[in-house]
Amino acid sequence: MVTTRRRAERARQMADGLRQRIVAGEVGELLPSERELGEWFGASRNVVREALALLRDEGLVERRQGVGTLVVRPKYGHGLDRLSGLAEALEGHGEVVNEVRAAETVAAPPAVADRLGLAAGEEVVHLERVRRLGGVPLSLDSTYLVADLGIPLLGKDLAHRDLFALLEETNGIRLGRAEVEVHAVSAGPDTAALLEIAPGTAVFALDRLTRLPDGRPVDAEWLHIRADRLTLRATLQRGAE
């Protein structure tokens, strides 16, 4: 007999798999029936129903009487082949508003100092923001800026302006390039609460280090992105051998 714990784990695995298919555009607005979903994932009807309940709690799907289970959250593309902020990438989809949870100078933690090429404990500017579109969270961003470029931003409109644009405009500079790494992780309780998803939900963890054209690192960011709201995309070209 399948235990309650085992069934819950199977339901979470199925929810993760179905979420990935939804985000990738592999299913339409109307999901297949519970029987078909069970065949897809080799799951019992109870597991299917628990998985759908998890996705309903996230707000990704909803059950409509006489219709079936519908996908209700729009997904937005964020390209990884161009250095742009979230507001720039989502231009035309509505205003991205930042809930600024922290905007302060702090002593650089060792990992931050290492990434920015600073001495441990050197002053940096820390920003923490929950990015929202249509009132729904898209990402939780933790950003560390070198002090000479970050401090001038503390008096600016961080709630409604894109950080990259503010950096360039306020400091009279141009950003050059960024190194990006993307991982899949499970949202912890604090992150899940801020992103308004269930704890343990799969999210994108994006690490980005942005540099000036001369190679100087100026912006180290750690982002947790809702996988049900954003799709990360890139156009890759094969170079000459």
C-alpha atoms as a PDB file:
ATOM      1  CA  MET A   1       0.000   0.000   0.000  1.00  0.00           C
ATOM      2  CA  VAL A   2       1.267   3.445  -0.888  1.00  0.00           C
ATOM      3  CA  THR A   3       1.837   5.499   2.251  1.00  0.00           C
ATOM      4  CA  THR A   4       0.537   9.031   2.625  1.00  0.00           C
ATOM      5  CA  ARG A   5       4.104  10.381   2.614  1.00  0.00           C
ATOM      6  CA  ARG A   6       5.011   8.458  -0.521  1.00  0.00           C
ATOM      7  CA  ARG A   7       1.853   9.627  -2.291  1.00  0.00           C
ATOM      8  CA  ALA A   8       2.610  13.243  -1.379  1.00  0.00           C
ATOM      9  CA  GLU A   9       6.135  12.886  -2.762  1.00  0.00           C
ATOM     10  CA  ARG A  10       4.806  11.368  -6.002  1.00  0.00           C
ATOM     11  CA  ALA A  11       2.287  14.201  -6.266  1.00  0.00           C
ATOM     12  CA  ARG A  12       5.022  16.824  -5.855  1.00  0.00           C
ATOM     13  CA  GLN A  13       7.151  15.108  -8.494  1.00  0.00           C
ATOM     14  CA  MET A  14       4.208  15.013 -10.868  1.00  0.00           C
ATOM     15  CA  ALA A  15       3.402  18.679 -10.172  1.00  0.00           C
ATOM     16  CA  ASP A  16       7.008  19.586 -10.987  1.00  0.00           C
ATOM     17  CA  GLY A  17       6.867  17.626 -14.234  1.00  0.00           C
ATOM     18  CA  LEU A  18       3.516  19.058 -15.271  1.00  0.00           C
ATOM     19  CA  ARG A  19       4.670  22.581 -14.407  1.00  0.00           C
ATOM     20  CA  GLN A  20       7.679  22.139 -16.674  1.00  0.00           C
ATOM     21  CA  ARG A  21       5.437  21.023 -19.527  1.00  0.00           C
ATOM     22  CA  ILE A  22       3.131  24.009 -19.013  1.00  0.00           C
ATOM     23  CA  VAL A  23       6.019  26.492 -18.948  1.00  0.00           C
ATOM     24  CA  ALA A  24       7.553  24.903 -22.043  1.00  0.00           C
ATOM     25  CA  GLY A  25       4.249  25.294 -23.895  1.00  0.00           C
ATOM     26  CA  GLU A  26       3.798  21.545 -24.327  1.00  0.00           C
ATOM     27  CA  VAL A  27       0.191  21.663 -23.135  1.00  0.00           C
ATOM     28  CA  GLY A  28      -2.582  24.015 -24.126  1.00  0.00           C
ATOM     29  CA  GLU A  29      -4.889  26.136 -22.030  1.00  0.00           C
ATOM     30  CA  LEU A  30      -7.040  23.104 -21.173  1.00  0.00           C
ATOM     31  CA  LEU A  31      -5.178  20.284 -19.431  1.00  0.00           C
ATOM     32  CA  PRO A  32      -5.837  16.637 -20.343  1.00  0.00           C
ATOM     33  CA  SER A  33      -8.263  14.693 -18.182  1.00  0.00           C
ATOM     34  CA  GLU A  34      -7.188  13.162 -14.866  1.00  0.00           C
ATOM     35  CA  ARG A  35      -7.111   9.745 -16.525  1.00  0.00           C
ATOM     36  CA  GLU A  36      -4.823  10.993 -19.324  1.00  0.00           C
ATOM     37  CA  LEU A  37      -2.549  12.770 -16.850  1.00  0.00           C
ATOM     38  CA  GLY A  38      -2.316   9.581 -14.843  1.00  0.00           C
ATOM     39  CA  GLU A  39      -1.227   7.705 -17.986  1.00  0.00           C
ATOM     40  CA  TRP A  40       1.361  10.404 -18.791  1.00  0.00           C
ATOM     41  CA  PHE A  41       3.006  10.164 -15.398  1.00  0.00           C
ATOM     42  CA  GLY A  42       2.173   6.589 -14.442  1.00  0.00           C
ATOM     43  CA  ALA A  43       0.270   7.884 -11.424  1.00  0.00           C
ATOM     44  CA  SER A  44      -2.914   6.933  -9.610  1.00  0.00           C
ATOM     45  CA  ARG A  45      -5.950   9.184  -9.648  1.00  0.00           C
ATOM     46  CA  ASN A  46      -5.291  10.228  -6.027  1.00  0.00           C
ATOM     47  CA  VAL A  47      -1.739  11.307  -6.931  1.00  0.00           C
ATOM     48  CA  VAL A  48      -3.031  13.197  -9.969  1.00  0.00           C
ATOM     49  CA  ARG A  49      -5.577  15.054  -7.856  1.00  0.00           C
ATOM     50  CA  GLU A  50      -2.989  15.971  -5.218  1.00  0.00           C
ATOM     51  CA  ALA A  51      -0.599  17.222  -7.933  1.00  0.00           C
ATOM     52  CA  LEU A  52      -3.313  19.382  -9.465  1.00  0.00           C
ATOM     53  CA  ALA A  53      -4.156  20.715  -6.006  1.00  0.00           C
ATOM     54  CA  LEU A  54      -0.522  21.826  -5.590  1.00  0.00           C
ATOM     55  CA  LEU A  55      -0.647  23.661  -8.915  1.00  0.00           C
ATOM     56  CA  ARG A  56      -3.969  25.264  -7.970  1.00  0.00           C
ATOM     57  CA  ASP A  57      -2.404  26.496  -4.716  1.00  0.00           C
ATOM     58  CA  GLU A  58       0.333  28.155  -6.809  1.00  0.00           C
ATOM     59  CA  GLY A  59      -2.336  29.781  -8.958  1.00  0.00           C
ATOM     60  CA  LEU A  60      -1.034  28.075 -12.092  1.00  0.00           C
ATOM     61  CA  VAL A  61      -4.240  26.177 -12.876  1.00  0.00           C
ATOM     62  CA  GLU A  62      -7.885  26.304 -11.879  1.00  0.00           C
ATOM     63  CA  ARG A  63     -10.772  23.856 -12.048  1.00  0.00           C
ATOM     64  CA  ARG A  64     -13.910  25.046 -13.862  1.00  0.00           C
ATOM     65  CA  GLN A  65     -17.147  23.120 -13.577  1.00  0.00           C
ATOM     66  CA  GLY A  66     -18.127  21.544 -16.864  1.00  0.00           C
ATOM     67  CA  VAL A  67     -14.895  22.618 -18.556  1.00  0.00           C
ATOM     68  CA  GLY A  68     -11.955  20.953 -16.823  1.00  0.00           C
ATOM     69  CA  THR A  69      -8.627  22.169 -15.473  1.00  0.00           C
ATOM     70  CA  LEU A  70      -7.298  25.315 -17.142  1.00  0.00           C
ATOM     71  CA  VAL A  71      -3.914  27.019 -17.146  1.00  0.00           C
ATOM     72  CA  VAL A  72      -4.518  30.520 -15.822  1.00  0.00           C
ATOM     73  CA  ARG A  73      -1.104  32.137 -15.384  1.00  0.00           C
ATOM     74  CA  PRO A  74       0.564  33.799 -18.360  1.00  0.00           C
ATOM     75  CA  LYS A  75       4.216  32.904 -18.965  1.00  0.00           C
ATOM     76  CA  TYR A  76       6.697  35.540 -20.076  1.00  0.00           C
ATOM     77  CA  GLY A  77       9.988  35.080 -21.871  1.00  0.00           C
ATOM     78  CA  HIS A  78      13.241  36.512 -20.498  1.00  0.00           C
ATOM     79  CA  GLY A  79      16.113  36.280 -22.969  1.00  0.00           C
ATOM     80  CA  LEU A  80      19.558  35.251 -21.763  1.00  0.00           C
ATOM     81  CA  ASP A  81      21.378  36.313 -24.923  1.00  0.00           C
ATOM     82  CA  ARG A  82      21.195  40.051 -24.167  1.00  0.00           C
ATOM     83  CA  LEU A  83      22.089  41.961 -21.004  1.00  0.00           C
ATOM     84  CA  SER A  84      18.780  43.467 -19.954  1.00  0.00           C
ATOM     85  CA  GLY A  85      16.775  43.996 -16.802  1.00  0.00           C
ATOM     86  CA  LEU A  86      13.460  42.309 -16.127  1.00  0.00           C
ATOM     87  CA  ALA A  87      11.435  45.465 -16.840  1.00  0.00           C
ATOM     88  CA  GLU A  88      13.238  45.865 -20.166  1.00  0.00           C
ATOM     89  CA  ALA A  89      12.657  42.229 -21.086  1.00  0.00           C
ATOM     90  CA  LEU A  90       8.933  42.456 -20.271  1.00  0.00           C
ATOM     91  CA  GLU A  91       8.288  45.766 -21.990  1.00  0.00           C
ATOM     92  CA  GLY A  92       4.806  45.690 -23.486  1.00  0.00           C
ATOM     93  CA  HIS A  93       3.435  43.196 -20.949  1.00  0.00           C
ATOM     94  CA  GLY A  94       2.727  45.766 -18.240  1.00  0.00           C
ATOM     95  CA  GLU A  95       4.599  47.626 -15.537  1.00  0.00           C
ATOM     96  CA  VAL A  96       7.051  45.691 -13.407  1.00  0.00           C
ATOM     97  CA  VAL A  97       6.895  47.066  -9.852  1.00  0.00           C
ATOM     98  CA  ASN A  98       9.570  46.369  -7.264  1.00  0.00           C
ATOM     99  CA  GLU A  99       8.750  45.843  -3.613  1.00  0.00           C
ATOM    100  CA  VAL A 100      11.983  47.180  -2.129  1.00  0.00           C
ATOM    101  CA  ARG A 101      12.710  45.184   1.007  1.00  0.00           C
ATOM    102  CA  ALA A 102      16.262  46.440   1.559  1.00  0.00           C
ATOM    103  CA  ALA A 103      18.321  49.340   0.171  1.00  0.00           C
ATOM    104  CA  GLU A 104      21.367  49.952   2.342  1.00  0.00           C
ATOM    105  CA  THR A 105      25.128  49.939   2.647  1.00  0.00           C
ATOM    106  CA  VAL A 106      26.589  46.833   4.266  1.00  0.00           C
ATOM    107  CA  ALA A 107      29.943  45.160   4.778  1.00  0.00           C
ATOM    108  CA  ALA A 108      30.476  42.795   1.850  1.00  0.00           C
ATOM    109  CA  PRO A 109      29.999  39.132   2.831  1.00  0.00           C
ATOM    110  CA  PRO A 110      32.980  36.981   1.796  1.00  0.00           C
ATOM    111  CA  ALA A 111      31.216  35.465  -1.251  1.00  0.00           C
ATOM    112  CA  VAL A 112      30.173  38.919  -2.462  1.00  0.00           C
ATOM    113  CA  ALA A 113      33.618  40.416  -1.914  1.00  0.00           C
ATOM    114  CA  ASP A 114      35.157  37.559  -3.868  1.00  0.00           C
ATOM    115  CA  ARG A 115      32.820  38.013  -6.823  1.00  0.00           C
ATOM    116  CA  LEU A 116      33.267  41.795  -6.936  1.00  0.00           C
ATOM    117  CA  GLY A 117      37.028  41.673  -6.429  1.00  0.00           C
ATOM    118  CA  LEU A 118      36.839  43.553  -3.128  1.00  0.00           C
ATOM    119  CA  ALA A 119      38.472  43.119   0.252  1.00  0.00           C
ATOM    120  CA  ALA A 120      36.343  41.168   2.752  1.00  0.00           C
ATOM    121  CA  GLY A 121      34.134  43.556   4.696  1.00  0.00           C
ATOM    122  CA  GLU A 122      34.505  46.405   2.192  1.00  0.00           C
ATOM    123  CA  GLU A 123      31.392  48.587   1.883  1.00  0.00           C
ATOM    124  CA  VAL A 124      28.839  47.637  -0.783  1.00  0.00           C
ATOM    125  CA  VAL A 125      25.211  48.519  -1.471  1.00  0.00           C
ATOM    126  CA  HIS A 126      22.681  45.743  -0.899  1.00  0.00           C
ATOM    127  CA  LEU A 127      19.265  45.783  -2.564  1.00  0.00           C
ATOM    128  CA  GLU A 128      16.565  43.166  -2.037  1.00  0.00           C
ATOM    129  CA  ARG A 129      13.476  43.392  -4.183  1.00  0.00           C
ATOM    130  CA  VAL A 130      10.399  41.336  -4.971  1.00  0.00           C
ATOM    131  CA  ARG A 131       9.591  41.965  -8.634  1.00  0.00           C
ATOM    132  CA  ARG A 132       5.871  41.959  -9.494  1.00  0.00           C
ATOM    133  CA  LEU A 133       3.844  42.120 -12.688  1.00  0.00           C
ATOM    134  CA  GLY A 134       0.112  42.608 -12.378  1.00  0.00           C
ATOM    135  CA  GLY A 135       0.517  42.366  -8.616  1.00  0.00           C
ATOM    136  CA  VAL A 136       1.837  38.784  -8.814  1.00  0.00           C
ATOM    137  CA  PRO A 137       5.469  38.062  -7.802  1.00  0.00           C
ATOM    138  CA  LEU A 138       7.879  37.105 -10.571  1.00  0.00           C
ATOM    139  CA  SER A 139      11.194  36.979  -8.732  1.00  0.00           C
ATOM    140  CA  LEU A 140      13.092  37.682  -5.540  1.00  0.00           C
ATOM    141  CA  ASP A 141      16.352  39.531  -6.282  1.00  0.00           C
ATOM    142  CA  SER A 142      19.288  40.053  -3.946  1.00  0.00           C
ATOM    143  CA  THR A 143      21.781  42.507  -5.464  1.00  0.00           C
ATOM    144  CA  TYR A 144      25.160  43.770  -4.293  1.00  0.00           C
ATOM    145  CA  LEU A 145      26.695  46.820  -5.994  1.00  0.00           C
ATOM    146  CA  VAL A 146      30.141  48.349  -5.627  1.00  0.00           C
ATOM    147  CA  ALA A 147      29.809  51.394  -3.374  1.00  0.00           C
ATOM    148  CA  ASP A 148      30.871  54.119  -5.813  1.00  0.00           C
ATOM    149  CA  LEU A 149      28.131  53.136  -8.267  1.00  0.00           C
ATOM    150  CA  GLY A 150      25.540  51.835  -5.822  1.00  0.00           C
ATOM    151  CA  ILE A 151      25.364  54.643  -3.255  1.00  0.00           C
ATOM    152  CA  PRO A 152      24.094  57.217  -5.824  1.00  0.00           C
ATOM    153  CA  LEU A 153      21.116  54.912  -6.463  1.00  0.00           C
ATOM    154  CA  LEU A 154      19.836  54.926  -2.881  1.00  0.00           C
ATOM    155  CA  GLY A 155      17.877  58.131  -3.429  1.00  0.00           C
ATOM    156  CA  LYS A 156      16.405  56.998  -6.751  1.00  0.00           C
ATOM    157  CA  ASP A 157      13.070  55.402  -7.635  1.00  0.00           C
ATOM    158  CA  LEU A 158      14.013  51.767  -7.079  1.00  0.00           C
ATOM    159  CA  ALA A 159      10.357  50.739  -6.969  1.00  0.00           C
ATOM    160  CA  HIS A 160       9.543  51.648 -10.570  1.00  0.00           C
ATOM    161  CA  ARG A 161      12.845  51.909 -12.467  1.00  0.00           C
ATOM    162  CA  ASP A 162      14.958  49.154 -13.934  1.00  0.00           C
ATOM    163  CA  LEU A 163      18.235  48.794 -12.050  1.00  0.00           C
ATOM    164  CA  PHE A 164      20.471  48.538 -15.117  1.00  0.00           C
ATOM    165  CA  ALA A 165      18.978  51.694 -16.615  1.00  0.00           C
ATOM    166  CA  LEU A 166      19.375  53.528 -13.298  1.00  0.00           C
ATOM    167  CA  LEU A 167      22.987  52.413 -12.978  1.00  0.00           C
ATOM    168  CA  GLU A 168      23.868  53.748 -16.422  1.00  0.00           C
ATOM    169  CA  GLU A 169      21.814  56.928 -16.204  1.00  0.00           C
ATOM    170  CA  THR A 170      22.845  57.963 -12.689  1.00  0.00           C
ATOM    171  CA  ASN A 171      26.542  57.190 -13.042  1.00  0.00           C
ATOM    172  CA  GLY A 172      27.022  58.124 -16.691  1.00  0.00           C
ATOM    173  CA  ILE A 173      28.375  54.681 -17.590  1.00  0.00           C
ATOM    174  CA  ARG A 174      27.573  51.805 -19.906  1.00  0.00           C
ATOM    175  CA  LEU A 175      27.405  48.239 -18.688  1.00  0.00           C
ATOM    176  CA  GLY A 176      29.398  45.770 -20.698  1.00  0.00           C
ATOM    177  CA  ARG A 177      28.685  42.085 -20.187  1.00  0.00           C
ATOM    178  CA  ALA A 178      27.519  39.572 -17.603  1.00  0.00           C
ATOM    179  CA  GLU A 179      28.216  35.972 -16.676  1.00  0.00           C
ATOM    180  CA  VAL A 180      25.070  34.010 -15.873  1.00  0.00           C
ATOM    181  CA  GLU A 181      24.471  30.623 -14.280  1.00  0.00           C
ATOM    182  CA  VAL A 182      21.008  29.095 -13.885  1.00  0.00           C
ATOM    183  CA  HIS A 183      20.095  26.274 -11.502  1.00  0.00           C
ATOM    184  CA  ALA A 184      16.845  24.567 -10.556  1.00  0.00           C
ATOM    185  CA  VAL A 185      16.230  24.628  -6.796  1.00  0.00           C
ATOM    186  CA  SER A 186      13.364  24.114  -4.377  1.00  0.00           C
ATOM    187  CA  ALA A 187      12.056  27.278  -2.754  1.00  0.00           C
ATOM    188  CA  GLY A 188      12.644  27.427   0.989  1.00  0.00           C
ATOM    189  CA  PRO A 189       9.898  28.644   3.337  1.00  0.00           C
ATOM    190  CA  ASP A 190      10.997  32.320   3.359  1.00  0.00           C
ATOM    191  CA  THR A 191      11.494  32.545  -0.403  1.00  0.00           C
ATOM    192  CA  ALA A 192       8.246  30.683  -1.037  1.00  0.00           C
ATOM    193  CA  ALA A 193       6.307  33.100   1.190  1.00  0.00           C
ATOM    194  CA  LEU A 194       7.687  36.142  -0.658  1.00  0.00           C
ATOM    195  CA  LEU A 195       6.984  34.609  -4.063  1.00  0.00           C
ATOM    196  CA  GLU A 196       3.536  33.408  -2.912  1.00  0.00           C
ATOM    197  CA  ILE A 197       4.150  29.762  -3.832  1.00  0.00           C
ATOM    198  CA  ALA A 198       4.173  26.532  -1.847  1.00  0.00           C
ATOM    199  CA  PRO A 199       7.426  25.661  -0.022  1.00  0.00           C
ATOM    200  CA  GLY A 200       9.430  23.155  -2.047  1.00  0.00           C
ATOM    201  CA  THR A 201       8.168  24.483  -5.377  1.00  0.00           C
ATOM    202  CA  ALA A 202      10.810  24.362  -8.119  1.00  0.00           C
ATOM    203  CA  VAL A 203      12.191  27.790  -9.059  1.00  0.00           C
ATOM    204  CA  PHE A 204      15.017  29.069 -11.225  1.00  0.00           C
ATOM    205  CA  ALA A 205      18.043  30.259  -9.245  1.00  0.00           C
ATOM    206  CA  LEU A 206      19.965  32.684 -11.462  1.00  0.00           C
ATOM    207  CA  ASP A 207      23.413  33.969 -10.482  1.00  0.00           C
ATOM    208  CA  ARG A 208      24.602  36.972 -12.498  1.00  0.00           C
ATOM    209  CA  LEU A 209      27.817  38.994 -12.343  1.00  0.00           C
ATOM    210  CA  THR A 210      27.700  42.177 -14.408  1.00  0.00           C
ATOM    211  CA  ARG A 211      30.803  44.020 -15.542  1.00  0.00           C
ATOM    212  CA  LEU A 212      31.730  47.324 -17.131  1.00  0.00           C
ATOM    213  CA  PRO A 213      33.195  47.245 -20.659  1.00  0.00           C
ATOM    214  CA  ASP A 214      36.714  47.256 -19.142  1.00  0.00           C
ATOM    215  CA  GLY A 215      35.907  44.038 -17.261  1.00  0.00           C
ATOM    216  CA  ARG A 216      35.430  45.555 -13.789  1.00  0.00           C
ATOM    217  CA  PRO A 217      32.753  43.613 -11.822  1.00  0.00           C
ATOM    218  CA  VAL A 218      30.173  46.029 -10.388  1.00  0.00           C
ATOM    219  CA  ASP A 219      26.936  44.093  -9.767  1.00  0.00           C
ATOM    220  CA  ALA A 220      26.582  40.631  -8.205  1.00  0.00           C
ATOM    221  CA  GLU A 221      23.028  39.283  -8.159  1.00  0.00           C
ATOM    222  CA  TRP A 222      21.253  36.191  -6.900  1.00  0.00           C
ATOM    223  CA  LEU A 223      17.707  35.810  -8.239  1.00  0.00           C
ATOM    224  CA  HIS A 224      14.981  33.291  -7.465  1.00  0.00           C
ATOM    225  CA  ILE A 225      12.513  33.259 -10.349  1.00  0.00           C
ATOM    226  CA  ARG A 226       9.075  31.649 -10.460  1.00  0.00           C
ATOM    227  CA  ALA A 227       9.265  28.960 -13.131  1.00  0.00           C
ATOM    228  CA  ASP A 228       5.509  29.130 -13.670  1.00  0.00           C
ATOM    229  CA  ARG A 229       5.680  32.829 -14.611  1.00  0.00           C
ATOM    230  CA  LEU A 230       8.924  33.172 -16.587  1.00  0.00           C
ATOM    231  CA  THR A 231      10.594  31.139 -19.303  1.00  0.00           C
ATOM    232  CA  LEU A 232      14.328  31.706 -19.779  1.00  0.00           C
ATOM    233  CA  ARG A 233      15.285  31.792 -23.445  1.00  0.00           C
ATOM    234  CA  ALA A 234      18.419  32.211 -25.531  1.00  0.00           C
ATOM    235  CA  THR A 235      19.340  32.168 -29.204  1.00  0.00           C
ATOM    236  CA  LEU A 236      22.643  30.364 -29.674  1.00  0.00           C
ATOM    237  CA  GLN A 237      24.784  30.437 -32.799  1.00  0.00           C
ATOM    238  CA  ARG A 238      27.354  27.846 -33.707  1.00  0.00           C
ATOM    239  CA  GLY A 239      30.702  29.552 -34.342  1.00  0.00           C
ATOM    240  CA  ALA A 240      33.148  28.714 -37.077  1.00  0.00           C
ATOM    241  CA  GLU A 241      35.365  25.752 -36.257  1.00  0.00           C
END
